[in-house]
Amino acid sequence: MISKIMRAALAVLATLFVIPVFAQFQPRHIYNENADPRAEIRDALSTAAREHKRVILDFGGDWCGDCQVLDYYFHQPPNASLLDANFVLVDIDIGHMDRNVDIADQYGVPLRRGVPALAVLDAHGRLLYSQKNGEFEAMRRMDPTSVTSFLEEWKGGS
């Protein structure tokens, strides 16, 4: 009898703690499969030049849990203000590793190492950084401060 009560109590506690955690990570539509990423990059570079910012290219897919977590971390304090003040973000849909692969290759991002995969460009389109070793591919197990450190490192002088 006690084990039934204990199991019921644990189930209630798990529900109380787990549901809020999952609620904040509900998958959302990030990567537009109908977008023209070359046009989006061109527009982002124009905005970056005008606003003295850098461009982050985020290669991923809505199906990717780690991509979802990175997007969530991008839009939480203090990362949201760092991102807004210093970068123009371009989310590039890679399908299931079969879409826009040529663009990832152009910016030196080996998608086979995992996604999300990032590249950072200056306002003139020069590549400053490309993720070579799947640095964020295990985002679900990483701390949000890893995103903060990345943004701080690549924000450049405003």
C-alpha atoms as a PDB file:
ATOM      1  CA  MET A   1       0.000   0.000   0.000  1.00  0.00           C
ATOM      2  CA  ILE A   2       2.761   2.444   0.869  1.00  0.00           C
ATOM      3  CA  SER A   3       4.531   1.871  -2.431  1.00  0.00           C
ATOM      4  CA  LYS A   4       1.325   2.780  -4.341  1.00  0.00           C
ATOM      5  CA  ILE A   5       1.021   5.996  -2.360  1.00  0.00           C
ATOM      6  CA  MET A   6       4.727   6.742  -2.858  1.00  0.00           C
ATOM      7  CA  ARG A   7       4.445   6.116  -6.608  1.00  0.00           C
ATOM      8  CA  ALA A   8       1.394   8.372  -6.830  1.00  0.00           C
ATOM      9  CA  ALA A   9       3.151  11.111  -4.854  1.00  0.00           C
ATOM     10  CA  LEU A  10       6.259  10.832  -7.042  1.00  0.00           C
ATOM     11  CA  ALA A  11       4.105  11.004 -10.153  1.00  0.00           C
ATOM     12  CA  VAL A  12       2.441  14.192  -8.888  1.00  0.00           C
ATOM     13  CA  LEU A  13       5.795  15.746  -7.973  1.00  0.00           C
ATOM     14  CA  ALA A  14       7.300  14.774 -11.320  1.00  0.00           C
ATOM     15  CA  THR A  15       4.353  16.344 -13.099  1.00  0.00           C
ATOM     16  CA  LEU A  16       4.695  19.562 -11.111  1.00  0.00           C
ATOM     17  CA  PHE A  17       8.386  19.896 -11.911  1.00  0.00           C
ATOM     18  CA  VAL A  18       8.622  18.402 -15.401  1.00  0.00           C
ATOM     19  CA  ILE A  19       5.693  20.144 -17.110  1.00  0.00           C
ATOM     20  CA  PRO A  20       7.047  23.678 -16.527  1.00  0.00           C
ATOM     21  CA  VAL A  21      10.473  22.629 -17.832  1.00  0.00           C
ATOM     22  CA  PHE A  22       9.011  21.107 -21.002  1.00  0.00           C
ATOM     23  CA  ALA A  23       6.639  24.048 -21.450  1.00  0.00           C
ATOM     24  CA  GLN A  24       9.546  26.419 -21.916  1.00  0.00           C
ATOM     25  CA  PHE A  25      11.093  24.161 -24.577  1.00  0.00           C
ATOM     26  CA  GLN A  26       8.028  23.600 -26.729  1.00  0.00           C
ATOM     27  CA  PRO A  27       9.256  23.197 -30.291  1.00  0.00           C
ATOM     28  CA  ARG A  28       8.616  26.255 -32.387  1.00  0.00           C
ATOM     29  CA  HIS A  29       9.026  27.075 -36.040  1.00  0.00           C
ATOM     30  CA  ILE A  30      12.479  28.640 -36.380  1.00  0.00           C
ATOM     31  CA  TYR A  31      13.832  27.595 -39.764  1.00  0.00           C
ATOM     32  CA  ASN A  32      11.756  28.605 -42.790  1.00  0.00           C
ATOM     33  CA  GLU A  33      12.052  25.922 -45.452  1.00  0.00           C
ATOM     34  CA  ASN A  34      10.626  28.349 -48.046  1.00  0.00           C
ATOM     35  CA  ALA A  35      13.075  31.172 -47.336  1.00  0.00           C
ATOM     36  CA  ASP A  36      15.794  32.270 -49.729  1.00  0.00           C
ATOM     37  CA  PRO A  37      18.818  32.149 -47.430  1.00  0.00           C
ATOM     38  CA  ARG A  38      21.068  33.988 -49.877  1.00  0.00           C
ATOM     39  CA  ALA A  39      18.613  36.910 -49.943  1.00  0.00           C
ATOM     40  CA  GLU A  40      18.294  36.773 -46.150  1.00  0.00           C
ATOM     41  CA  ILE A  41      22.074  36.858 -45.763  1.00  0.00           C
ATOM     42  CA  ARG A  42      22.289  39.789 -48.197  1.00  0.00           C
ATOM     43  CA  ASP A  43      19.604  41.671 -46.205  1.00  0.00           C
ATOM     44  CA  ALA A  44      21.306  40.818 -42.912  1.00  0.00           C
ATOM     45  CA  LEU A  45      24.635  42.142 -44.191  1.00  0.00           C
ATOM     46  CA  SER A  46      22.969  45.368 -45.264  1.00  0.00           C
ATOM     47  CA  THR A  47      21.379  45.754 -41.830  1.00  0.00           C
ATOM     48  CA  ALA A  48      24.654  44.832 -40.112  1.00  0.00           C
ATOM     49  CA  ALA A  49      26.568  47.478 -42.077  1.00  0.00           C
ATOM     50  CA  ARG A  50      23.970  50.138 -41.308  1.00  0.00           C
ATOM     51  CA  GLU A  51      23.741  49.232 -37.607  1.00  0.00           C
ATOM     52  CA  HIS A  52      27.430  48.333 -37.031  1.00  0.00           C
ATOM     53  CA  LYS A  53      26.674  44.723 -36.150  1.00  0.00           C
ATOM     54  CA  ARG A  54      27.833  41.259 -37.097  1.00  0.00           C
ATOM     55  CA  VAL A  55      25.814  38.468 -38.658  1.00  0.00           C
ATOM     56  CA  ILE A  56      25.243  35.032 -37.143  1.00  0.00           C
ATOM     57  CA  LEU A  57      24.260  32.280 -39.532  1.00  0.00           C
ATOM     58  CA  ASP A  58      22.448  29.533 -37.630  1.00  0.00           C
ATOM     59  CA  PHE A  59      22.201  26.297 -39.627  1.00  0.00           C
ATOM     60  CA  GLY A  60      19.624  23.851 -38.307  1.00  0.00           C
ATOM     61  CA  GLY A  61      16.163  22.375 -38.537  1.00  0.00           C
ATOM     62  CA  ASP A  62      12.954  22.567 -36.558  1.00  0.00           C
ATOM     63  CA  TRP A  63      13.243  18.800 -35.896  1.00  0.00           C
ATOM     64  CA  CYS A  64      16.530  19.334 -34.039  1.00  0.00           C
ATOM     65  CA  GLY A  65      16.089  19.493 -30.261  1.00  0.00           C
ATOM     66  CA  ASP A  66      19.487  21.114 -29.766  1.00  0.00           C
ATOM     67  CA  CYS A  67      18.548  23.793 -32.335  1.00  0.00           C
ATOM     68  CA  GLN A  68      15.370  24.460 -30.368  1.00  0.00           C
ATOM     69  CA  VAL A  69      17.357  24.843 -27.141  1.00  0.00           C
ATOM     70  CA  LEU A  70      19.889  27.190 -28.778  1.00  0.00           C
ATOM     71  CA  ASP A  71      17.035  29.355 -30.060  1.00  0.00           C
ATOM     72  CA  TYR A  72      15.505  29.391 -26.587  1.00  0.00           C
ATOM     73  CA  TYR A  73      18.837  30.413 -25.039  1.00  0.00           C
ATOM     74  CA  PHE A  74      19.336  33.089 -27.714  1.00  0.00           C
ATOM     75  CA  HIS A  75      16.074  34.719 -26.638  1.00  0.00           C
ATOM     76  CA  GLN A  76      16.548  34.618 -22.848  1.00  0.00           C
ATOM     77  CA  PRO A  77      18.367  37.220 -20.718  1.00  0.00           C
ATOM     78  CA  PRO A  78      21.172  38.203 -20.974  1.00  0.00           C
ATOM     79  CA  ASN A  79      21.617  36.632 -24.405  1.00  0.00           C
ATOM     80  CA  ALA A  80      18.604  38.340 -25.998  1.00  0.00           C
ATOM     81  CA  SER A  81      19.997  41.827 -25.373  1.00  0.00           C
ATOM     82  CA  LEU A  82      23.520  40.789 -26.452  1.00  0.00           C
ATOM     83  CA  LEU A  83      22.139  39.303 -29.651  1.00  0.00           C
ATOM     84  CA  ASP A  84      19.932  42.305 -30.400  1.00  0.00           C
ATOM     85  CA  ALA A  85      22.643  44.884 -29.720  1.00  0.00           C
ATOM     86  CA  ASN A  86      25.445  43.186 -31.636  1.00  0.00           C
ATOM     87  CA  PHE A  87      24.138  40.752 -34.248  1.00  0.00           C
ATOM     88  CA  VAL A  88      21.697  40.099 -37.025  1.00  0.00           C
ATOM     89  CA  LEU A  89      20.581  36.475 -36.805  1.00  0.00           C
ATOM     90  CA  VAL A  90      19.822  34.442 -39.926  1.00  0.00           C
ATOM     91  CA  ASP A  91      18.262  31.027 -39.326  1.00  0.00           C
ATOM     92  CA  ILE A  92      19.002  28.731 -42.280  1.00  0.00           C
ATOM     93  CA  ASP A  93      16.976  25.566 -42.744  1.00  0.00           C
ATOM     94  CA  ILE A  94      19.062  22.512 -43.613  1.00  0.00           C
ATOM     95  CA  GLY A  95      16.121  20.156 -44.075  1.00  0.00           C
ATOM     96  CA  HIS A  96      17.395  16.759 -43.003  1.00  0.00           C
ATOM     97  CA  MET A  97      20.979  17.586 -43.966  1.00  0.00           C
ATOM     98  CA  ASP A  98      19.843  17.930 -47.590  1.00  0.00           C
ATOM     99  CA  ARG A  99      18.957  21.627 -47.970  1.00  0.00           C
ATOM    100  CA  ASN A 100      21.257  24.663 -48.172  1.00  0.00           C
ATOM    101  CA  VAL A 101      24.279  22.429 -47.637  1.00  0.00           C
ATOM    102  CA  ASP A 102      26.128  24.467 -50.283  1.00  0.00           C
ATOM    103  CA  ILE A 103      25.692  27.607 -48.174  1.00  0.00           C
ATOM    104  CA  ALA A 104      27.038  25.837 -45.090  1.00  0.00           C
ATOM    105  CA  ASP A 105      30.002  24.675 -47.199  1.00  0.00           C
ATOM    106  CA  GLN A 106      30.534  28.225 -48.474  1.00  0.00           C
ATOM    107  CA  TYR A 107      30.966  29.396 -44.886  1.00  0.00           C
ATOM    108  CA  GLY A 108      33.096  26.450 -43.788  1.00  0.00           C
ATOM    109  CA  VAL A 109      30.455  24.819 -41.614  1.00  0.00           C
ATOM    110  CA  PRO A 110      30.621  20.996 -41.772  1.00  0.00           C
ATOM    111  CA  LEU A 111      27.019  19.987 -41.067  1.00  0.00           C
ATOM    112  CA  ARG A 112      28.047  16.347 -40.652  1.00  0.00           C
ATOM    113  CA  ARG A 113      29.584  17.380 -37.317  1.00  0.00           C
ATOM    114  CA  GLY A 114      26.111  18.230 -36.020  1.00  0.00           C
ATOM    115  CA  VAL A 115      23.648  21.053 -35.684  1.00  0.00           C
ATOM    116  CA  PRO A 116      22.980  23.682 -34.659  1.00  0.00           C
ATOM    117  CA  ALA A 117      26.019  24.988 -36.469  1.00  0.00           C
ATOM    118  CA  LEU A 118      27.010  28.636 -36.478  1.00  0.00           C
ATOM    119  CA  ALA A 119      29.069  31.024 -38.542  1.00  0.00           C
ATOM    120  CA  VAL A 120      29.826  34.655 -37.755  1.00  0.00           C
ATOM    121  CA  LEU A 121      30.348  37.266 -40.463  1.00  0.00           C
ATOM    122  CA  ASP A 122      31.426  40.855 -40.235  1.00  0.00           C
ATOM    123  CA  ALA A 123      29.226  43.523 -41.829  1.00  0.00           C
ATOM    124  CA  HIS A 124      31.148  43.128 -45.112  1.00  0.00           C
ATOM    125  CA  GLY A 125      30.418  39.404 -45.314  1.00  0.00           C
ATOM    126  CA  ARG A 126      33.884  38.267 -44.285  1.00  0.00           C
ATOM    127  CA  LEU A 127      33.871  35.023 -42.347  1.00  0.00           C
ATOM    128  CA  LEU A 128      35.132  35.561 -38.800  1.00  0.00           C
ATOM    129  CA  TYR A 129      34.191  32.197 -37.314  1.00  0.00           C
ATOM    130  CA  SER A 130      32.735  28.911 -38.452  1.00  0.00           C
ATOM    131  CA  GLN A 131      31.851  26.068 -36.180  1.00  0.00           C
ATOM    132  CA  LYS A 132      34.084  23.151 -37.167  1.00  0.00           C
ATOM    133  CA  ASN A 133      33.507  20.537 -34.480  1.00  0.00           C
ATOM    134  CA  GLY A 134      29.820  20.588 -33.575  1.00  0.00           C
ATOM    135  CA  GLU A 135      30.434  22.918 -30.659  1.00  0.00           C
ATOM    136  CA  PHE A 136      26.700  23.438 -30.031  1.00  0.00           C
ATOM    137  CA  GLU A 137      25.396  20.073 -31.262  1.00  0.00           C
ATOM    138  CA  ALA A 138      24.847  18.977 -27.645  1.00  0.00           C
ATOM    139  CA  MET A 139      23.088  22.202 -26.647  1.00  0.00           C
ATOM    140  CA  ARG A 140      20.544  20.314 -24.491  1.00  0.00           C
ATOM    141  CA  ARG A 141      23.366  19.371 -22.144  1.00  0.00           C
ATOM    142  CA  MET A 142      25.026  22.781 -22.187  1.00  0.00           C
ATOM    143  CA  ASP A 143      24.556  25.719 -19.897  1.00  0.00           C
ATOM    144  CA  PRO A 144      22.997  28.950 -21.263  1.00  0.00           C
ATOM    145  CA  THR A 145      26.185  30.762 -20.267  1.00  0.00           C
ATOM    146  CA  SER A 146      27.983  28.958 -23.109  1.00  0.00           C
ATOM    147  CA  VAL A 147      25.805  30.988 -25.487  1.00  0.00           C
ATOM    148  CA  THR A 148      26.562  34.145 -23.515  1.00  0.00           C
ATOM    149  CA  SER A 149      30.301  33.463 -23.769  1.00  0.00           C
ATOM    150  CA  PHE A 150      30.007  32.851 -27.507  1.00  0.00           C
ATOM    151  CA  LEU A 151      28.089  36.110 -28.064  1.00  0.00           C
ATOM    152  CA  GLU A 152      30.532  38.069 -25.897  1.00  0.00           C
ATOM    153  CA  GLU A 153      33.514  36.636 -27.758  1.00  0.00           C
ATOM    154  CA  TRP A 154      32.173  37.408 -31.250  1.00  0.00           C
ATOM    155  CA  LYS A 155      30.273  40.666 -30.717  1.00  0.00           C
ATOM    156  CA  GLY A 156      33.283  42.729 -31.743  1.00  0.00           C
ATOM    157  CA  GLY A 157      33.678  46.440 -31.075  1.00  0.00           C
ATOM    158  CA  SER A 158      30.406  48.273 -31.514  1.00  0.00           C
END
